[in-house]
Structures are given as C-alpha cells and as structure tokens.
C-alpha atoms as a PDB file:
ATOM      1  CA  MET A   1      -2.912  -9.055  24.817  1.00  0.00           C
ATOM      2  CA  ARG A   2      -0.689  -9.468  21.772  1.00  0.00           C
ATOM      3  CA  LEU A   3      -0.091  -7.571  18.587  1.00  0.00           C
ATOM      4  CA  SER A   4      -1.943  -8.699  15.490  1.00  0.00           C
ATOM      5  CA  ILE A   5       0.552  -9.932  12.908  1.00  0.00           C
ATOM      6  CA  ALA A   6      -1.547  -8.314  10.210  1.00  0.00           C
ATOM      7  CA  PHE A   7      -1.209  -4.922  11.837  1.00  0.00           C
ATOM      8  CA  ALA A   8       2.495  -4.938  10.976  1.00  0.00           C
ATOM      9  CA  VAL A   9       1.634  -5.368   7.321  1.00  0.00           C
ATOM     10  CA  VAL A  10      -0.779  -2.444   7.424  1.00  0.00           C
ATOM     11  CA  VAL A  11       1.714  -0.131   9.107  1.00  0.00           C
ATOM     12  CA  VAL A  12       4.980  -0.912   7.394  1.00  0.00           C
ATOM     13  CA  MET A  13       3.809  -1.818   3.904  1.00  0.00           C
ATOM     14  CA  GLY A  14       0.589   0.074   3.457  1.00  0.00           C
ATOM     15  CA  PHE A  15       0.918   3.177   5.570  1.00  0.00           C
ATOM     16  CA  LEU A  16       4.247   4.781   6.456  1.00  0.00           C
ATOM     17  CA  PRO A  17       5.741   4.381   2.967  1.00  0.00           C
ATOM     18  CA  VAL A  18       2.656   5.975   1.415  1.00  0.00           C
ATOM     19  CA  ALA A  19       2.927   8.811   3.902  1.00  0.00           C
ATOM     20  CA  SER A  20       6.442   9.518   2.711  1.00  0.00           C
ATOM     21  CA  ARG A  21       5.498   9.574  -0.985  1.00  0.00           C
ATOM     22  CA  ALA A  22       2.379  11.678  -0.572  1.00  0.00           C
ATOM     23  CA  GLN A  23       0.260  12.741   2.380  1.00  0.00           C
ATOM     24  CA  ILE A  24      -2.851  10.588   2.187  1.00  0.00           C
ATOM     25  CA  SER A  25      -5.051  13.678   2.567  1.00  0.00           C
ATOM     26  CA  GLY A  26      -4.191  14.389  -1.075  1.00  0.00           C
ATOM     27  CA  VAL A  27      -6.395  11.643  -2.488  1.00  0.00           C
ATOM     28  CA  ASN A  28      -7.606  13.872  -5.328  1.00  0.00           C
ATOM     29  CA  ILE A  29      -4.024  14.819  -6.178  1.00  0.00           C
ATOM     30  CA  LEU A  30      -3.075  11.135  -6.337  1.00  0.00           C
ATOM     31  CA  ALA A  31      -5.979  10.414  -8.700  1.00  0.00           C
ATOM     32  CA  SER A  32      -4.827  13.268 -10.924  1.00  0.00           C
ATOM     33  CA  GLN A  33      -1.269  11.929 -10.952  1.00  0.00           C
ATOM     34  CA  ILE A  34      -2.537   8.489 -11.974  1.00  0.00           C
ATOM     35  CA  ARG A  35      -4.531   9.962 -14.862  1.00  0.00           C
ATOM     36  CA  GLU A  36      -1.512  11.914 -16.102  1.00  0.00           C
ATOM     37  CA  GLN A  37       0.762   8.874 -15.898  1.00  0.00           C
ATOM     38  CA  GLU A  38      -1.812   6.746 -17.722  1.00  0.00           C
ATOM     39  CA  LYS A  39      -1.694   9.264 -20.568  1.00  0.00           C
ATOM     40  CA  THR A  40       2.102   8.971 -20.597  1.00  0.00           C
ATOM     41  CA  VAL A  41       2.106   5.184 -21.082  1.00  0.00           C
ATOM     42  CA  GLU A  42      -0.699   5.264 -23.660  1.00  0.00           C
ATOM     43  CA  THR A  43       1.478   7.021 -26.233  1.00  0.00           C
ATOM     44  CA  ASN A  44       5.033   6.747 -27.509  1.00  0.00           C
ATOM     45  CA  PRO A  45       7.684   6.843 -26.151  1.00  0.00           C
ATOM     46  CA  GLY A  46       6.010   6.152 -22.782  1.00  0.00           C
ATOM     47  CA  LYS A  47       4.257   3.058 -24.100  1.00  0.00           C
ATOM     48  CA  SER A  48       7.571   1.197 -24.198  1.00  0.00           C
ATOM     49  CA  ASP A  49       9.228   2.955 -21.253  1.00  0.00           C
ATOM     50  CA  GLY A  50       9.680   0.551 -18.344  1.00  0.00           C
ATOM     51  CA  GLU A  51      10.345   3.351 -15.835  1.00  0.00           C
ATOM     52  CA  ALA A  52       7.154   5.157 -16.889  1.00  0.00           C
ATOM     53  CA  TRP A  53       5.167   1.976 -16.284  1.00  0.00           C
ATOM     54  CA  LEU A  54       6.921   1.520 -12.943  1.00  0.00           C
ATOM     55  CA  LYS A  55       5.875   5.011 -11.866  1.00  0.00           C
ATOM     56  CA  LEU A  56       2.273   4.208 -12.815  1.00  0.00           C
ATOM     57  CA  ALA A  57       2.410   0.911 -10.897  1.00  0.00           C
ATOM     58  CA  ILE A  58       3.600   2.664  -7.732  1.00  0.00           C
ATOM     59  CA  LEU A  59       0.919   5.365  -8.007  1.00  0.00           C
ATOM     60  CA  ARG A  60      -1.782   2.739  -8.435  1.00  0.00           C
ATOM     61  CA  GLN A  61      -0.414   0.839  -5.447  1.00  0.00           C
ATOM     62  CA  ASP A  62      -0.563   4.020  -3.327  1.00  0.00           C
ATOM     63  CA  ALA A  63      -4.226   4.314  -4.321  1.00  0.00           C
ATOM     64  CA  ALA A  64      -4.855   0.641  -3.391  1.00  0.00           C
ATOM     65  CA  GLN A  65      -5.719  -0.148  -7.027  1.00  0.00           C
ATOM     66  CA  TYR A  66      -3.956  -3.465  -6.718  1.00  0.00           C
ATOM     67  CA  HIS A  67      -5.240  -5.259  -9.815  1.00  0.00           C
ATOM     68  CA  ASP A  68      -4.247  -2.378 -12.087  1.00  0.00           C
ATOM     69  CA  SER A  69      -0.993  -1.941 -10.177  1.00  0.00           C
ATOM     70  CA  GLU A  70      -0.091  -5.597 -10.741  1.00  0.00           C
ATOM     71  CA  HIS A  71      -0.615  -5.196 -14.492  1.00  0.00           C
ATOM     72  CA  ALA A  72       1.594  -2.092 -14.574  1.00  0.00           C
ATOM     73  CA  TYR A  73       4.356  -3.801 -12.572  1.00  0.00           C
ATOM     74  CA  LYS A  74       4.410  -6.762 -14.949  1.00  0.00           C
ATOM     75  CA  ARG A  75       4.609  -4.409 -17.911  1.00  0.00           C
ATOM     76  CA  ALA A  76       7.394  -2.387 -16.269  1.00  0.00           C
ATOM     77  CA  ILE A  77       9.544  -5.427 -15.456  1.00  0.00           C
ATOM     78  CA  ALA A  78       9.116  -6.773 -18.996  1.00  0.00           C
ATOM     79  CA  LEU A  79      10.276  -3.463 -20.487  1.00  0.00           C
ATOM     80  CA  LEU A  80      13.127  -2.541 -18.152  1.00  0.00           C
ATOM     81  CA  LYS A  81      16.532  -3.047 -19.755  1.00  0.00           C
ATOM     82  CA  PRO A  82      18.562  -5.979 -18.349  1.00  0.00           C
ATOM     83  CA  GLY A  83      21.537  -3.709 -17.724  1.00  0.00           C
ATOM     84  CA  ASN A  84      19.533  -1.518 -15.368  1.00  0.00           C
ATOM     85  CA  ARG A  85      19.861  -3.917 -12.439  1.00  0.00           C
ATOM     86  CA  ALA A  86      19.196  -1.363  -9.719  1.00  0.00           C
ATOM     87  CA  THR A  87      15.855  -0.298 -11.217  1.00  0.00           C
ATOM     88  CA  ILE A  88      14.845  -3.915 -11.833  1.00  0.00           C
ATOM     89  CA  GLY A  89      15.604  -4.632  -8.174  1.00  0.00           C
ATOM     90  CA  ASP A  90      13.458  -1.666  -7.151  1.00  0.00           C
ATOM     91  CA  ALA A  91      10.602  -2.837  -9.379  1.00  0.00           C
ATOM     92  CA  LEU A  92      10.697  -6.374  -7.960  1.00  0.00           C
ATOM     93  CA  ASP A  93      10.770  -4.980  -4.426  1.00  0.00           C
ATOM     94  CA  TYR A  94       7.879  -2.582  -4.999  1.00  0.00           C
ATOM     95  CA  MET A  95       5.813  -5.333  -6.619  1.00  0.00           C
ATOM     96  CA  GLY A  96       6.541  -7.578  -3.658  1.00  0.00           C
ATOM     97  CA  THR A  97       5.254  -4.936  -1.258  1.00  0.00           C
ATOM     98  CA  MET A  98       2.096  -4.646  -3.338  1.00  0.00           C
ATOM     99  CA  TYR A  99       1.460  -8.369  -2.945  1.00  0.00           C
ATOM    100  CA  VAL A 100       2.138  -8.162   0.795  1.00  0.00           C
ATOM    101  CA  GLU A 101      -0.408  -5.353   1.134  1.00  0.00           C
ATOM    102  CA  CYS A 102      -2.916  -7.694  -0.512  1.00  0.00           C
ATOM    103  CA  GLY A 103      -1.945 -10.560   1.790  1.00  0.00           C
ATOM    104  CA  ARG A 104      -0.601 -12.596  -1.165  1.00  0.00           C
ATOM    105  CA  PHE A 105       2.563 -13.671   0.621  1.00  0.00           C
ATOM    106  CA  PRO A 106       3.513 -16.638  -1.633  1.00  0.00           C
ATOM    107  CA  LYS A 107       3.662 -14.299  -4.625  1.00  0.00           C
ATOM    108  CA  ALA A 108       5.568 -11.648  -2.698  1.00  0.00           C
ATOM    109  CA  GLU A 109       8.413 -13.701  -1.249  1.00  0.00           C
ATOM    110  CA  PRO A 110      10.201 -14.759  -4.472  1.00  0.00           C
ATOM    111  CA  LEU A 111      10.139 -11.150  -5.693  1.00  0.00           C
ATOM    112  CA  GLU A 112      11.544  -9.797  -2.434  1.00  0.00           C
ATOM    113  CA  ARG A 113      14.327 -12.381  -2.361  1.00  0.00           C
ATOM    114  CA  LYS A 114      15.270 -11.655  -5.994  1.00  0.00           C
ATOM    115  CA  ALA A 115      15.379  -7.945  -5.191  1.00  0.00           C
ATOM    116  CA  LEU A 116      17.623  -8.612  -2.183  1.00  0.00           C
ATOM    117  CA  ALA A 117      19.973 -10.754  -4.294  1.00  0.00           C
ATOM    118  CA  ILE A 118      20.294  -7.988  -6.896  1.00  0.00           C
ATOM    119  CA  ARG A 119      21.035  -5.395  -4.220  1.00  0.00           C
ATOM    120  CA  GLU A 120      23.580  -7.643  -2.536  1.00  0.00           C
ATOM    121  CA  ASN A 121      25.319  -8.127  -5.885  1.00  0.00           C
ATOM    122  CA  LEU A 122      25.443  -4.343  -6.322  1.00  0.00           C
ATOM    123  CA  ASN A 123      26.621  -3.854  -2.709  1.00  0.00           C
ATOM    124  CA  ASP A 124      23.699  -1.448  -2.249  1.00  0.00           C
ATOM    125  CA  LEU A 125      23.586  -1.265   1.551  1.00  0.00           C
ATOM    126  CA  VAL A 126      20.517   0.941   1.717  1.00  0.00           C
ATOM    127  CA  GLY A 127      18.672  -1.233  -0.798  1.00  0.00           C
ATOM    128  CA  MET A 128      19.653  -4.317   1.168  1.00  0.00           C
ATOM    129  CA  GLY A 129      18.295  -2.746   4.347  1.00  0.00           C
ATOM    130  CA  ILE A 130      15.009  -1.934   2.635  1.00  0.00           C
ATOM    131  CA  SER A 131      14.764  -5.517   1.359  1.00  0.00           C
ATOM    132  CA  HIS A 132      15.329  -6.888   4.862  1.00  0.00           C
ATOM    133  CA  THR A 133      12.616  -4.539   6.148  1.00  0.00           C
ATOM    134  CA  HIS A 134      10.127  -5.820   3.603  1.00  0.00           C
ATOM    135  CA  LEU A 135      11.075  -9.449   4.157  1.00  0.00           C
ATOM    136  CA  ALA A 136      10.520  -8.959   7.877  1.00  0.00           C
ATOM    137  CA  VAL A 137       6.979  -7.734   7.297  1.00  0.00           C
ATOM    138  CA  LEU A 138       6.310 -10.564   4.871  1.00  0.00           C
ATOM    139  CA  LEU A 139       7.508 -13.094   7.450  1.00  0.00           C
ATOM    140  CA  LEU A 140       5.325 -11.472  10.090  1.00  0.00           C
ATOM    141  CA  GLY A 141       2.415 -11.977   7.725  1.00  0.00           C
ATOM    142  CA  LYS A 142       3.346 -15.657   7.525  1.00  0.00           C
ATOM    143  CA  ARG A 143       3.618 -15.729  11.349  1.00  0.00           C
ATOM    144  CA  GLU A 144       7.295 -16.659  11.242  1.00  0.00           C
ATOM    145  CA  ILE A 145       8.070 -14.342  14.147  1.00  0.00           C
ATOM    146  CA  THR A 146      11.649 -15.310  14.962  1.00  0.00           C
ATOM    147  CA  SER A 147      12.773 -15.025  11.345  1.00  0.00           C
ATOM    148  CA  ALA A 148      10.884 -11.761  10.979  1.00  0.00           C
ATOM    149  CA  GLU A 149      12.651 -10.229  13.972  1.00  0.00           C
ATOM    150  CA  ALA A 150      16.031 -11.330  12.628  1.00  0.00           C
ATOM    151  CA  GLU A 151      15.308  -9.675   9.266  1.00  0.00           C
ATOM    152  CA  ALA A 152      14.096  -6.525  11.016  1.00  0.00           C
ATOM    153  CA  GLN A 153      17.244  -6.349  13.128  1.00  0.00           C
ATOM    154  CA  MET A 154      19.403  -6.645  10.003  1.00  0.00           C
ATOM    155  CA  ALA A 155      17.431  -3.785   8.458  1.00  0.00           C
ATOM    156  CA  VAL A 156      17.982  -1.555  11.482  1.00  0.00           C
ATOM    157  CA  ASN A 157      21.696  -2.384  11.532  1.00  0.00           C
ATOM    158  CA  LEU A 158      21.972  -1.269   7.901  1.00  0.00           C
ATOM    159  CA  LEU A 159      19.652   1.734   7.886  1.00  0.00           C
ATOM    160  CA  VAL A 160      19.789   3.406  11.303  1.00  0.00           C
ATOM    161  CA  PRO A 161      22.962   4.998  12.762  1.00  0.00           C
ATOM    162  CA  GLU A 162      25.255   2.133  13.721  1.00  0.00           C
ATOM    163  CA  GLN A 163      29.004   1.989  14.120  1.00  0.00           C
ATOM    164  CA  GLU A 164      29.291  -0.809  11.554  1.00  0.00           C
ATOM    165  CA  HIS A 165      27.782   1.187   8.672  1.00  0.00           C
ATOM    166  CA  PRO A 166      28.298   4.933   9.214  1.00  0.00           C
ATOM    167  CA  GLU A 167      28.334   5.646   5.480  1.00  0.00           C
ATOM    168  CA  VAL A 168      24.741   4.437   5.082  1.00  0.00           C
ATOM    169  CA  GLN A 169      23.447   7.224   7.277  1.00  0.00           C
ATOM    170  CA  ARG A 170      24.269   9.857   4.669  1.00  0.00           C
ATOM    171  CA  VAL A 171      21.847   8.410   2.151  1.00  0.00           C
ATOM    172  CA  ALA A 172      19.150   6.499   4.053  1.00  0.00           C
ATOM    173  CA  THR A 173      16.038   8.687   4.132  1.00  0.00           C
ATOM    174  CA  PRO A 174      14.163   9.498   7.351  1.00  0.00           C
ATOM    175  CA  GLU A 175      11.207   7.455   6.075  1.00  0.00           C
ATOM    176  CA  VAL A 176      13.396   4.389   5.510  1.00  0.00           C
ATOM    177  CA  LYS A 177      14.913   4.711   8.986  1.00  0.00           C
ATOM    178  CA  MET A 178      11.519   5.165  10.667  1.00  0.00           C
ATOM    179  CA  THR A 179      10.069   2.198   8.822  1.00  0.00           C
ATOM    180  CA  ALA A 180      12.944  -0.074   9.843  1.00  0.00           C
ATOM    181  CA  LEU A 181      12.583   0.893  13.510  1.00  0.00           C
ATOM    182  CA  VAL A 182       8.799   0.528  13.469  1.00  0.00           C
ATOM    183  CA  ASP A 183       9.192  -2.832  11.748  1.00  0.00           C
ATOM    184  CA  LEU A 184      11.520  -4.095  14.483  1.00  0.00           C
ATOM    185  CA  SER A 185       9.206  -2.795  17.206  1.00  0.00           C
ATOM    186  CA  LEU A 186       6.248  -4.610  15.661  1.00  0.00           C
ATOM    187  CA  ALA A 187       8.201  -7.856  15.469  1.00  0.00           C
ATOM    188  CA  ARG A 188       9.044  -7.525  19.157  1.00  0.00           C
ATOM    189  CA  CYS A 189       5.451  -6.763  20.098  1.00  0.00           C
ATOM    190  CA  ALA A 190       4.405  -9.796  18.073  1.00  0.00           C
ATOM    191  CA  ARG A 191       6.566 -11.831  20.477  1.00  0.00           C
ATOM    192  CA  GLN A 192       4.590 -10.225  23.317  1.00  0.00           C
ATOM    193  CA  ASN A 193       7.657  -8.188  24.214  1.00  0.00           C
ATOM    194  CA  CYS A 194       6.448  -4.622  23.762  1.00  0.00           C
ATOM    195  CA  VAL A 195       8.840  -3.459  26.499  1.00  0.00           C
ATOM    196  CA  ALA A 196      11.729  -4.138  24.116  1.00  0.00           C
ATOM    197  CA  ALA A 197       9.919  -2.232  21.362  1.00  0.00           C
ATOM    198  CA  ILE A 198       9.740   1.048  23.282  1.00  0.00           C
ATOM    199  CA  PRO A 199      13.350   2.208  22.605  1.00  0.00           C
ATOM    200  CA  ASP A 200      12.917   1.523  18.871  1.00  0.00           C
ATOM    201  CA  LEU A 201       9.703   3.534  18.757  1.00  0.00           C
ATOM    202  CA  LYS A 202      11.272   6.409  20.687  1.00  0.00           C
ATOM    203  CA  ARG A 203      14.102   6.546  18.151  1.00  0.00           C
ATOM    204  CA  ALA A 204      11.591   6.447  15.294  1.00  0.00           C
ATOM    205  CA  LEU A 205       9.583   9.235  16.910  1.00  0.00           C
ATOM    206  CA  ALA A 206      12.702  11.376  17.288  1.00  0.00           C
ATOM    207  CA  ILE A 207      13.341  11.005  13.544  1.00  0.00           C
ATOM    208  CA  ALA A 208       9.715  11.888  12.793  1.00  0.00           C
ATOM    209  CA  HIS A 209       9.865  15.017  14.957  1.00  0.00           C
ATOM    210  CA  ALA A 210      13.102  16.100  13.257  1.00  0.00           C
ATOM    211  CA  ASN A 211      11.618  15.812   9.769  1.00  0.00           C
ATOM    212  CA  TYR A 212       7.860  16.354   9.984  1.00  0.00           C
ATOM    213  CA  VAL A 213       5.414  18.787  11.531  1.00  0.00           C
ATOM    214  CA  GLU A 214       3.355  17.733  14.550  1.00  0.00           C
ATOM    215  CA  SER A 215       0.162  17.102  12.584  1.00  0.00           C
ATOM    216  CA  SER A 216       1.844  14.787  10.073  1.00  0.00           C
ATOM    217  CA  ILE A 217       1.048  11.126   9.544  1.00  0.00           C
ATOM    218  CA  PRO A 218       4.459   9.777  10.694  1.00  0.00           C
ATOM    219  CA  VAL A 219       4.448  11.786  13.945  1.00  0.00           C
ATOM    220  CA  GLY A 220       0.851  10.944  14.772  1.00  0.00           C
ATOM    221  CA  PHE A 221       1.089   7.278  13.940  1.00  0.00           C
ATOM    222  CA  ILE A 222       4.367   6.618  15.736  1.00  0.00           C
ATOM    223  CA  GLU A 223       3.079   8.461  18.809  1.00  0.00           C
ATOM    224  CA  PHE A 224       0.048   6.196  18.743  1.00  0.00           C
ATOM    225  CA  LEU A 225       2.242   3.102  18.379  1.00  0.00           C
ATOM    226  CA  LEU A 226       4.475   4.194  21.249  1.00  0.00           C
ATOM    227  CA  GLY A 227       1.388   4.726  23.374  1.00  0.00           C
ATOM    228  CA  TYR A 228       0.182   1.260  22.441  1.00  0.00           C
ATOM    229  CA  ALA A 229       3.529  -0.300  23.429  1.00  0.00           C
ATOM    230  CA  LEU A 230       3.498   1.561  26.746  1.00  0.00           C
ATOM    231  CA  TRP A 231      -0.045   0.357  27.408  1.00  0.00           C
ATOM    232  CA  LYS A 232       0.947  -3.250  26.790  1.00  0.00           C
ATOM    233  CA  SER A 233       3.940  -2.692  29.048  1.00  0.00           C
ATOM    234  CA  GLY A 234       1.689  -1.559  31.927  1.00  0.00           C
ATOM    235  CA  ASP A 235       2.184   2.224  31.720  1.00  0.00           C
ATOM    236  CA  ASN A 236      -1.415   3.288  31.157  1.00  0.00           C
ATOM    237  CA  SER A 237      -0.811   6.881  32.229  1.00  0.00           C
ATOM    238  CA  SER A 238       1.854   7.597  29.595  1.00  0.00           C
ATOM    239  CA  ALA A 239      -0.019   5.538  27.021  1.00  0.00           C
ATOM    240  CA  ASP A 240      -3.200   7.589  27.372  1.00  0.00           C
ATOM    241  CA  GLY A 241      -1.559  10.889  26.465  1.00  0.00           C
ATOM    242  CA  LEU A 242       0.364   9.495  23.494  1.00  0.00           C
ATOM    243  CA  MET A 243      -2.545   7.527  22.046  1.00  0.00           C
ATOM    244  CA  ARG A 244      -4.860  10.522  22.381  1.00  0.00           C
ATOM    245  CA  LYS A 245      -2.311  12.909  20.861  1.00  0.00           C
ATOM    246  CA  GLY A 246      -1.490  10.514  18.036  1.00  0.00           C
ATOM    247  CA  THR A 247      -5.153  10.046  17.225  1.00  0.00           C
ATOM    248  CA  GLN A 248      -5.735  13.803  17.154  1.00  0.00           C
ATOM    249  CA  GLU A 249      -2.756  14.373  14.862  1.00  0.00           C
ATOM    250  CA  LEU A 250      -3.857  11.635  12.473  1.00  0.00           C
ATOM    251  CA  GLU A 251      -7.296  13.230  12.319  1.00  0.00           C
ATOM    252  CA  THR A 252      -5.757  16.250  10.569  1.00  0.00           C
ATOM    253  CA  GLN A 253      -4.650  14.104   7.622  1.00  0.00           C
ATOM    254  CA  LEU A 254      -6.952  11.080   7.718  1.00  0.00           C
ATOM    255  CA  GLY A 255     -10.034  12.207   9.621  1.00  0.00           C
ATOM    256  CA  TRP A 256     -12.169  12.094   6.505  1.00  0.00           C
ATOM    257  CA  GLY A 257     -12.363   8.317   7.002  1.00  0.00           C
ATOM    258  CA  HIS A 258      -9.220   6.535   5.806  1.00  0.00           C
ATOM    259  CA  PRO A 259      -9.477   2.842   6.828  1.00  0.00           C
ATOM    260  CA  THR A 260      -6.237   2.925   8.820  1.00  0.00           C
ATOM    261  CA  TYR A 261      -7.432   5.952  10.794  1.00  0.00           C
ATOM    262  CA  ILE A 262     -10.623   4.079  11.620  1.00  0.00           C
ATOM    263  CA  GLN A 263      -8.550   1.113  12.768  1.00  0.00           C
ATOM    264  CA  VAL A 264      -6.600   3.445  15.046  1.00  0.00           C
ATOM    265  CA  LEU A 265      -9.863   4.744  16.493  1.00  0.00           C
ATOM    266  CA  ARG A 266     -11.071   1.193  17.104  1.00  0.00           C
ATOM    267  CA  GLN A 267      -7.952   0.338  19.052  1.00  0.00           C
ATOM    268  CA  TYR A 268      -8.137   3.581  20.999  1.00  0.00           C
ATOM    269  CA  ARG A 269     -11.754   2.776  21.879  1.00  0.00           C
ATOM    270  CA  ILE A 270     -10.644  -0.589  23.294  1.00  0.00           C
ATOM    271  CA  PHE A 271      -7.966   1.148  25.362  1.00  0.00           C
ATOM    272  CA  LEU A 272     -10.480   3.653  26.740  1.00  0.00           C
ATOM    273  CA  ASP A 273     -13.027   0.954  27.513  1.00  0.00           C
ATOM    274  CA  GLN A 274     -10.494  -1.243  29.314  1.00  0.00           C
ATOM    275  CA  THR A 275      -9.050   1.617  31.349  1.00  0.00           C
ATOM    276  CA  GLY A 276     -12.385   2.778  32.745  1.00  0.00           C
ATOM    277  CA  HIS A 277     -13.238   5.604  30.321  1.00  0.00           C
ATOM    278  CA  SER A 278     -16.476   4.099  29.049  1.00  0.00           C
ATOM    279  CA  ALA A 279     -18.132   7.418  28.137  1.00  0.00           C
ATOM    280  CA  ASP A 280     -15.165   8.438  25.976  1.00  0.00           C
ATOM    281  CA  ALA A 281     -15.131   4.965  24.444  1.00  0.00           C
ATOM    282  CA  LYS A 282     -18.774   5.372  23.429  1.00  0.00           C
ATOM    283  CA  ASP A 283     -18.006   8.727  21.815  1.00  0.00           C
ATOM    284  CA  ILE A 284     -15.230   7.116  19.774  1.00  0.00           C
ATOM    285  CA  ALA A 285     -17.556   4.261  18.772  1.00  0.00           C
ATOM    286  CA  ALA A 286     -20.111   6.795  17.525  1.00  0.00           C
ATOM    287  CA  ARG A 287     -17.426   8.606  15.519  1.00  0.00           C
ATOM    288  CA  ILE A 288     -16.353   5.323  13.928  1.00  0.00           C
ATOM    289  CA  ALA A 289     -19.949   4.533  12.959  1.00  0.00           C
ATOM    290  CA  ASN A 290     -20.341   7.946  11.311  1.00  0.00           C
ATOM    291  CA  LEU A 291     -17.114   7.578   9.340  1.00  0.00           C
ATOM    292  CA  GLU A 292     -18.047   4.106   8.142  1.00  0.00           C
ATOM    293  CA  ARG A 293     -21.277   5.532   6.728  1.00  0.00           C
ATOM    294  CA  SER A 294     -19.364   8.152   4.743  1.00  0.00           C
ATOM    295  CA  PRO A 295     -19.500   8.002   0.914  1.00  0.00           C
ATOM    296  CA  GLY A 296     -16.741   5.910  -0.609  1.00  0.00           C
ATOM    297  CA  PHE A 297     -15.644   4.256   2.630  1.00  0.00           C
ATOM    298  CA  ALA A 298     -16.890   0.784   1.709  1.00  0.00           C
ATOM    299  CA  GLN A 299     -15.036   0.761  -1.610  1.00  0.00           C
ATOM    300  CA  MET A 300     -11.773   2.028  -0.135  1.00  0.00           C
ATOM    301  CA  ALA A 301     -11.965  -0.376   2.809  1.00  0.00           C
ATOM    302  CA  SER A 302     -12.475  -3.309   0.438  1.00  0.00           C
ATOM    303  CA  ASN A 303      -9.239  -2.430  -1.383  1.00  0.00           C
ATOM    304  CA  HIS A 304      -7.312  -1.837   1.832  1.00  0.00           C
ATOM    305  CA  LEU A 305      -5.741  -4.753   3.659  1.00  0.00           C
ATOM    306  CA  SER A 306      -8.704  -6.004   5.676  1.00  0.00           C
ATOM    307  CA  ILE A 307      -6.776  -7.159   8.703  1.00  0.00           C
ATOM    308  CA  GLY A 308      -5.400  -4.461  10.936  1.00  0.00           C
ATOM    309  CA  LEU A 309      -5.579  -2.522  14.151  1.00  0.00           C
ATOM    310  CA  ASP A 310      -9.126  -3.635  14.827  1.00  0.00           C
ATOM    311  CA  GLN A 311      -7.780  -7.176  15.278  1.00  0.00           C
ATOM    312  CA  LEU A 312      -5.265  -6.351  17.981  1.00  0.00           C
ATOM    313  CA  HIS A 313      -5.960  -8.705  20.871  1.00  0.00           C
END
C-alpha cells in the first residue's frame, strides 16, 4: 500500500492551516466573518485597500469558496503597494495554496516561486521555510516525489529546531512547524517509506500536544496520521489505538460531516476491514453513509479537493 499523493494536498494545504486560523467547527462564524469583510471592501477606504481584499481572499479560501477567493486575491495583489514586498509575497503564497487546494498546479507554481524569491531577497527565513513547505506539497501533487521531499526537508531545516537556524525557532509558529513535519512525513510515505516518517510525525504530535487540547483538530489528525504510518510499517497494534483515538478526537470538531473527517473514516474503515474487525468496519461504513446524506454535504464536498484519504491504496 502507498500513500495517495493527493492526500498530502488535502492535509497540508487544505486542513492543518485552516485549523490554525479557525477551528472548522466554527463554520457559521467563518460565514459571518466573510460577510463583515465583504462590507469592508464594498465601501471606502476598504474598496482600495489591498490588505482588506487579502483578508477577504483568505477567508473565502478557508470556506472553500475558491472562485470568489481567486477574484479577491487578484484584486488584493493589484492594490498592494510595490514597496510592501513582504505582504505581496504573502499574497502570492496564499493564492498559490488556493490553486493547489483546487488541484490547479500549473497556476500555483509560478506564484509560489515568486513568493519564495521575494522572501529570499528579504532574508525572511520563516517565510522561506513556509514557501518550501508549499512547494513540496505542490510537487507532490505533480508526483515529483524526490523534488518534493527535498523541498520538505529544506522547510523542516528552516522551521523546526535545528542547530543551523536557532533564531528561527523564536518566531516560527507551532502550526508552521507541525505543517513542515507533516509535509516531510507525507513525502516519505509517498516514497513507500512510512518507517522514516514516524519520527517526523512524533515530533509534530509533541508540538500539537504542547499547544492544543486533546480534542483539537491538530492533535486528532496527527495522531491518525501517526497511526496510519505505523500501520504501513507493520505495527498494527499501535496503529489501532492511535487511529481510533485520532478519529474520536476529530469527531468533536468535524463530526457534523466535514469532507476530510469522512475521508478519515473511510481510511479507518479500510484499516478495520483489513485487520479482521469486519463488524466495526461495517459500523463505520454506516456512519459514513449517514453523514453523506446530511444537508449541505454534497455542496461542501464539491468545493473541497476531491482526491484524498479515500484514495489511499
């Protein structure tokens, strides 16, 4: 069995970063924030404020409103002042991640490389690390595994405690560090080397535990990923407990039927079925069917990246 390349895109671009900006359980809060920001850019001075448009673009991206997000990003980049290089780099990077979430890799890559060039020119080590993280996921999406792993390793070197860059550790956020480590682990699993991914995931989980409560999205999802890596490495006993615990923790935040949660359940069902727990696997299958019949699921799933955990082979 090998890791679906697309799964990396779902996790690193469309999931953990959103979890850090707002717990996905707050869907109604996000919709309210979008409405308020739309009002801001409809009137002066917000109408000509590039940073206000950038905020709206990011909110729309979090809500998987990709068409509207694209429009807001274009408006933001057109309005941002040329002297504000750091913010322009951020806008290009964010827009690139939006395209990656949509699977539009050819549009994403030039933006990500421009953002990296700006950050290199500014000697922004954290920004450079984030750019390498996003380029790694993009390259995974293009199935350029070796290049993706190299980018992911550069990101970890810049963002996670390393002797070469101790100063970075004072400013790199826990979310950025976790994402870099998860990214590298996914690249290694994509090479069918999940054994090598386990240390990275354990480090990411330690960061999650230090900064989030047990029932949070980062803790639950990284526990599930670690369980998955252990399963693929032949440790079914340890995998079972972590995958079950991760699934239960994600249910607290996403159990209403978020597409990524359903993808997690699908993969957990496969694990249960293949390890001789057919009755439990049937229960999970029934839960998935109920969630997929829930109001609004079809629309949200159509906006969400359609390739994910359910395509792990």
